[in-house]
N, C-alpha and C. Protein backbone atom coordinates (compact mmCIF):
# COMPACT_ATOMS: atom_id res chain seq x y z
N MET A 1 0.85 -1.19 0.00
CA MET A 1 0.00 -0.01 0.03
C MET A 1 0.90 1.27 0.01
N GLU A 2 0.61 2.09 -0.94
CA GLU A 2 1.42 3.34 -1.01
C GLU A 2 0.97 4.39 0.00
N SER A 3 1.91 5.01 0.60
CA SER A 3 1.52 6.10 1.53
C SER A 3 1.86 7.41 0.81
N SER A 4 0.90 8.32 0.96
CA SER A 4 1.05 9.64 0.29
C SER A 4 0.87 10.72 1.30
N CYS A 5 1.79 11.69 1.31
CA CYS A 5 1.61 12.83 2.22
C CYS A 5 0.68 13.91 1.68
N ASN A 6 0.26 13.71 0.42
CA ASN A 6 -0.66 14.67 -0.17
C ASN A 6 -2.07 14.26 0.15
N THR A 7 -2.71 15.00 1.04
CA THR A 7 -4.08 14.64 1.44
C THR A 7 -5.12 15.32 0.64
N ARG A 8 -4.77 16.33 -0.12
CA ARG A 8 -5.78 17.03 -0.91
C ARG A 8 -6.17 16.15 -2.14
N THR A 9 -7.46 16.14 -2.41
CA THR A 9 -7.92 15.37 -3.61
C THR A 9 -7.93 16.34 -4.79
N LYS A 10 -7.71 15.71 -5.98
CA LYS A 10 -7.72 16.52 -7.22
C LYS A 10 -9.17 16.89 -7.51
N PRO A 11 -9.35 18.07 -8.07
CA PRO A 11 -10.70 18.51 -8.49
C PRO A 11 -11.24 17.62 -9.58
N LYS A 12 -12.56 17.31 -9.55
CA LYS A 12 -13.15 16.48 -10.55
C LYS A 12 -13.90 17.21 -11.61
N THR A 13 -14.38 18.40 -11.34
CA THR A 13 -15.11 19.15 -12.38
C THR A 13 -14.37 20.41 -12.71
N VAL A 14 -14.75 21.06 -13.76
CA VAL A 14 -14.06 22.28 -14.19
C VAL A 14 -14.31 23.38 -13.15
N ARG A 15 -15.49 23.49 -12.57
CA ARG A 15 -15.78 24.48 -11.54
C ARG A 15 -14.92 24.26 -10.33
N GLU A 16 -14.76 22.98 -9.91
CA GLU A 16 -13.83 22.72 -8.77
C GLU A 16 -12.45 23.05 -9.08
N PHE A 17 -12.00 22.85 -10.33
CA PHE A 17 -10.61 23.16 -10.69
C PHE A 17 -10.39 24.63 -10.57
N PHE A 18 -11.27 25.47 -11.10
CA PHE A 18 -11.04 26.91 -11.09
C PHE A 18 -11.22 27.53 -9.75
N THR A 19 -11.79 26.86 -8.80
CA THR A 19 -11.93 27.34 -7.45
C THR A 19 -10.97 26.73 -6.48
N SER A 20 -10.05 25.87 -6.99
CA SER A 20 -9.11 25.19 -6.11
C SER A 20 -7.69 25.81 -6.23
N TRP A 21 -6.83 25.43 -5.33
CA TRP A 21 -5.44 25.90 -5.35
C TRP A 21 -4.67 25.29 -6.52
N TYR A 22 -5.13 24.19 -7.16
CA TYR A 22 -4.43 23.67 -8.27
C TYR A 22 -4.35 24.65 -9.38
N PHE A 23 -5.39 25.53 -9.51
CA PHE A 23 -5.36 26.61 -10.53
C PHE A 23 -4.80 27.91 -10.00
N TRP A 24 -5.20 28.35 -8.83
CA TRP A 24 -4.89 29.65 -8.35
C TRP A 24 -3.49 29.83 -7.90
N LYS A 25 -2.91 28.84 -7.31
CA LYS A 25 -1.51 28.98 -6.79
C LYS A 25 -0.55 29.24 -7.94
N PRO A 26 -0.51 28.40 -9.01
CA PRO A 26 0.40 28.74 -10.12
C PRO A 26 -0.02 30.01 -10.84
N PHE A 27 -1.29 30.32 -10.98
CA PHE A 27 -1.72 31.51 -11.64
C PHE A 27 -1.24 32.78 -10.89
N ILE A 28 -1.44 32.82 -9.66
CA ILE A 28 -1.01 33.95 -8.83
C ILE A 28 0.53 34.12 -8.88
N ALA A 29 1.23 32.99 -8.82
CA ALA A 29 2.69 33.05 -8.92
C ALA A 29 3.16 33.54 -10.26
N ALA A 30 2.49 33.19 -11.33
CA ALA A 30 2.86 33.60 -12.68
C ALA A 30 2.56 35.14 -12.82
N VAL A 31 1.47 35.61 -12.23
CA VAL A 31 1.14 37.05 -12.30
C VAL A 31 2.17 37.83 -11.52
N ILE A 32 2.55 37.39 -10.34
CA ILE A 32 3.55 38.07 -9.53
C ILE A 32 4.89 38.03 -10.24
N GLY A 33 5.23 36.90 -10.81
CA GLY A 33 6.49 36.78 -11.59
C GLY A 33 6.51 37.69 -12.78
N GLY A 34 5.37 37.83 -13.47
CA GLY A 34 5.29 38.78 -14.58
C GLY A 34 5.45 40.23 -14.14
N ALA A 35 4.87 40.58 -13.00
CA ALA A 35 5.03 41.90 -12.48
C ALA A 35 6.47 42.14 -12.09
N LEU A 36 7.13 41.18 -11.49
CA LEU A 36 8.53 41.35 -11.12
C LEU A 36 9.43 41.40 -12.37
N GLY A 37 9.05 40.67 -13.40
CA GLY A 37 9.77 40.73 -14.68
C GLY A 37 9.66 42.13 -15.31
N PHE A 38 8.46 42.72 -15.20
CA PHE A 38 8.31 44.10 -15.74
C PHE A 38 9.15 45.06 -14.89
N LEU A 39 9.10 44.93 -13.58
CA LEU A 39 9.88 45.85 -12.73
C LEU A 39 11.37 45.64 -13.03
N TYR A 40 11.82 44.49 -13.27
CA TYR A 40 13.23 44.25 -13.65
C TYR A 40 13.55 44.96 -15.00
N TYR A 41 12.64 44.82 -15.94
CA TYR A 41 12.86 45.51 -17.26
C TYR A 41 12.84 47.02 -17.04
N TYR A 42 11.95 47.54 -16.26
CA TYR A 42 11.84 49.00 -16.05
C TYR A 42 13.05 49.53 -15.28
N ASN A 43 13.50 48.89 -14.26
CA ASN A 43 14.56 49.39 -13.45
C ASN A 43 15.96 49.04 -13.93
N VAL A 44 16.17 47.87 -14.43
CA VAL A 44 17.52 47.45 -14.90
C VAL A 44 17.56 47.51 -16.45
N GLY A 45 16.70 46.79 -17.11
CA GLY A 45 16.64 46.86 -18.55
C GLY A 45 17.91 46.60 -19.29
N CYS A 46 17.86 47.00 -20.55
CA CYS A 46 19.07 46.88 -21.40
C CYS A 46 19.06 48.09 -22.35
N ALA A 47 19.99 48.96 -22.16
CA ALA A 47 20.08 50.19 -22.97
C ALA A 47 20.46 49.97 -24.39
N SER A 48 21.29 48.96 -24.67
CA SER A 48 21.82 48.79 -26.01
C SER A 48 20.86 48.04 -26.90
N GLY A 49 19.93 47.23 -26.31
CA GLY A 49 19.00 46.47 -27.11
C GLY A 49 19.55 45.12 -27.50
N THR A 50 20.72 44.75 -27.07
CA THR A 50 21.29 43.44 -27.45
C THR A 50 20.98 42.29 -26.44
N CYS A 51 20.42 42.61 -25.31
CA CYS A 51 20.03 41.59 -24.36
C CYS A 51 18.77 40.89 -24.81
N ALA A 52 18.77 39.57 -24.73
CA ALA A 52 17.68 38.77 -25.33
C ALA A 52 16.37 38.93 -24.50
N ILE A 53 16.49 38.95 -23.21
CA ILE A 53 15.32 38.93 -22.32
C ILE A 53 14.92 40.34 -21.91
N THR A 54 15.84 41.14 -21.48
CA THR A 54 15.51 42.43 -20.90
C THR A 54 15.43 43.57 -21.91
N SER A 55 15.63 43.29 -23.21
CA SER A 55 15.53 44.41 -24.14
C SER A 55 14.11 44.63 -24.58
N ASN A 56 13.21 43.66 -24.35
CA ASN A 56 11.85 43.75 -24.79
C ASN A 56 10.93 43.64 -23.58
N THR A 57 9.93 44.47 -23.46
CA THR A 57 9.02 44.40 -22.29
C THR A 57 8.31 43.08 -22.23
N TYR A 58 7.77 42.61 -23.37
CA TYR A 58 6.98 41.37 -23.39
C TYR A 58 7.79 40.17 -23.04
N SER A 59 8.98 40.05 -23.55
CA SER A 59 9.80 38.89 -23.18
C SER A 59 10.22 38.91 -21.72
N SER A 60 10.45 40.09 -21.19
CA SER A 60 10.79 40.18 -19.78
C SER A 60 9.59 39.73 -18.90
N ILE A 61 8.40 40.18 -19.25
CA ILE A 61 7.21 39.80 -18.48
C ILE A 61 6.94 38.30 -18.61
N LEU A 62 7.07 37.71 -19.82
CA LEU A 62 6.84 36.32 -20.03
C LEU A 62 7.87 35.48 -19.30
N MET A 63 9.11 35.87 -19.31
CA MET A 63 10.14 35.14 -18.58
C MET A 63 9.90 35.18 -17.11
N GLY A 64 9.52 36.38 -16.56
CA GLY A 64 9.23 36.49 -15.17
C GLY A 64 8.03 35.67 -14.75
N GLY A 65 6.99 35.63 -15.63
CA GLY A 65 5.82 34.80 -15.35
C GLY A 65 6.16 33.30 -15.31
N PHE A 66 7.03 32.93 -16.25
CA PHE A 66 7.42 31.50 -16.36
C PHE A 66 8.21 31.15 -15.12
N MET A 67 9.10 32.02 -14.68
CA MET A 67 9.96 31.76 -13.47
C MET A 67 9.03 31.65 -12.23
N GLY A 68 8.05 32.54 -12.14
CA GLY A 68 7.12 32.51 -11.02
C GLY A 68 6.35 31.22 -11.00
N TYR A 69 5.93 30.77 -12.17
CA TYR A 69 5.19 29.47 -12.29
C TYR A 69 6.08 28.32 -11.87
N MET A 70 7.31 28.36 -12.32
CA MET A 70 8.20 27.22 -12.00
C MET A 70 8.61 27.19 -10.52
N VAL A 71 8.60 28.30 -9.86
CA VAL A 71 8.93 28.37 -8.43
C VAL A 71 7.96 27.54 -7.64
N VAL A 72 6.66 27.63 -7.97
CA VAL A 72 5.62 27.00 -7.20
C VAL A 72 5.23 25.60 -7.80
N ASN A 73 5.54 25.35 -9.03
CA ASN A 73 5.07 24.14 -9.63
C ASN A 73 6.17 23.15 -10.07
N SER A 74 7.39 23.41 -9.69
CA SER A 74 8.44 22.48 -10.06
C SER A 74 8.36 21.21 -9.13
N PRO A 75 8.92 20.12 -9.59
CA PRO A 75 8.93 18.91 -8.75
C PRO A 75 9.58 19.13 -7.40
N CYS A 76 10.63 19.97 -7.38
CA CYS A 76 11.29 20.20 -6.07
C CYS A 76 10.41 21.00 -5.04
N ALA A 77 9.55 21.85 -5.65
CA ALA A 77 8.62 22.58 -4.78
C ALA A 77 7.55 21.69 -4.22
N ARG A 78 7.30 20.56 -4.89
CA ARG A 78 6.27 19.64 -4.42
C ARG A 78 6.86 18.49 -3.54
N GLY A 79 8.14 18.58 -3.28
CA GLY A 79 8.81 17.55 -2.46
C GLY A 79 9.18 16.26 -3.17
N LYS A 80 9.27 16.29 -4.50
CA LYS A 80 9.56 15.05 -5.26
C LYS A 80 10.94 15.14 -5.88
N CYS A 81 11.85 15.86 -5.30
CA CYS A 81 13.13 16.10 -5.85
C CYS A 81 14.10 15.01 -5.42
């Protein structure tokens, strides 16, 4: 018999999914990461335009959102590392 320390059950319907932490935790982390990516672009940025991530606002926001998502949804964050 397998023992699991995860006591939360997965949502079964779409409504349960959108009202559970399975959706909101990564979503909030991606939004915060995107905001931090924009702040990094705005404060540090790249004056010459040769930097791949920080020379463009959109790429900086997308990378920040991706990093925020990975912080809370990576296998190591779930204890499976």
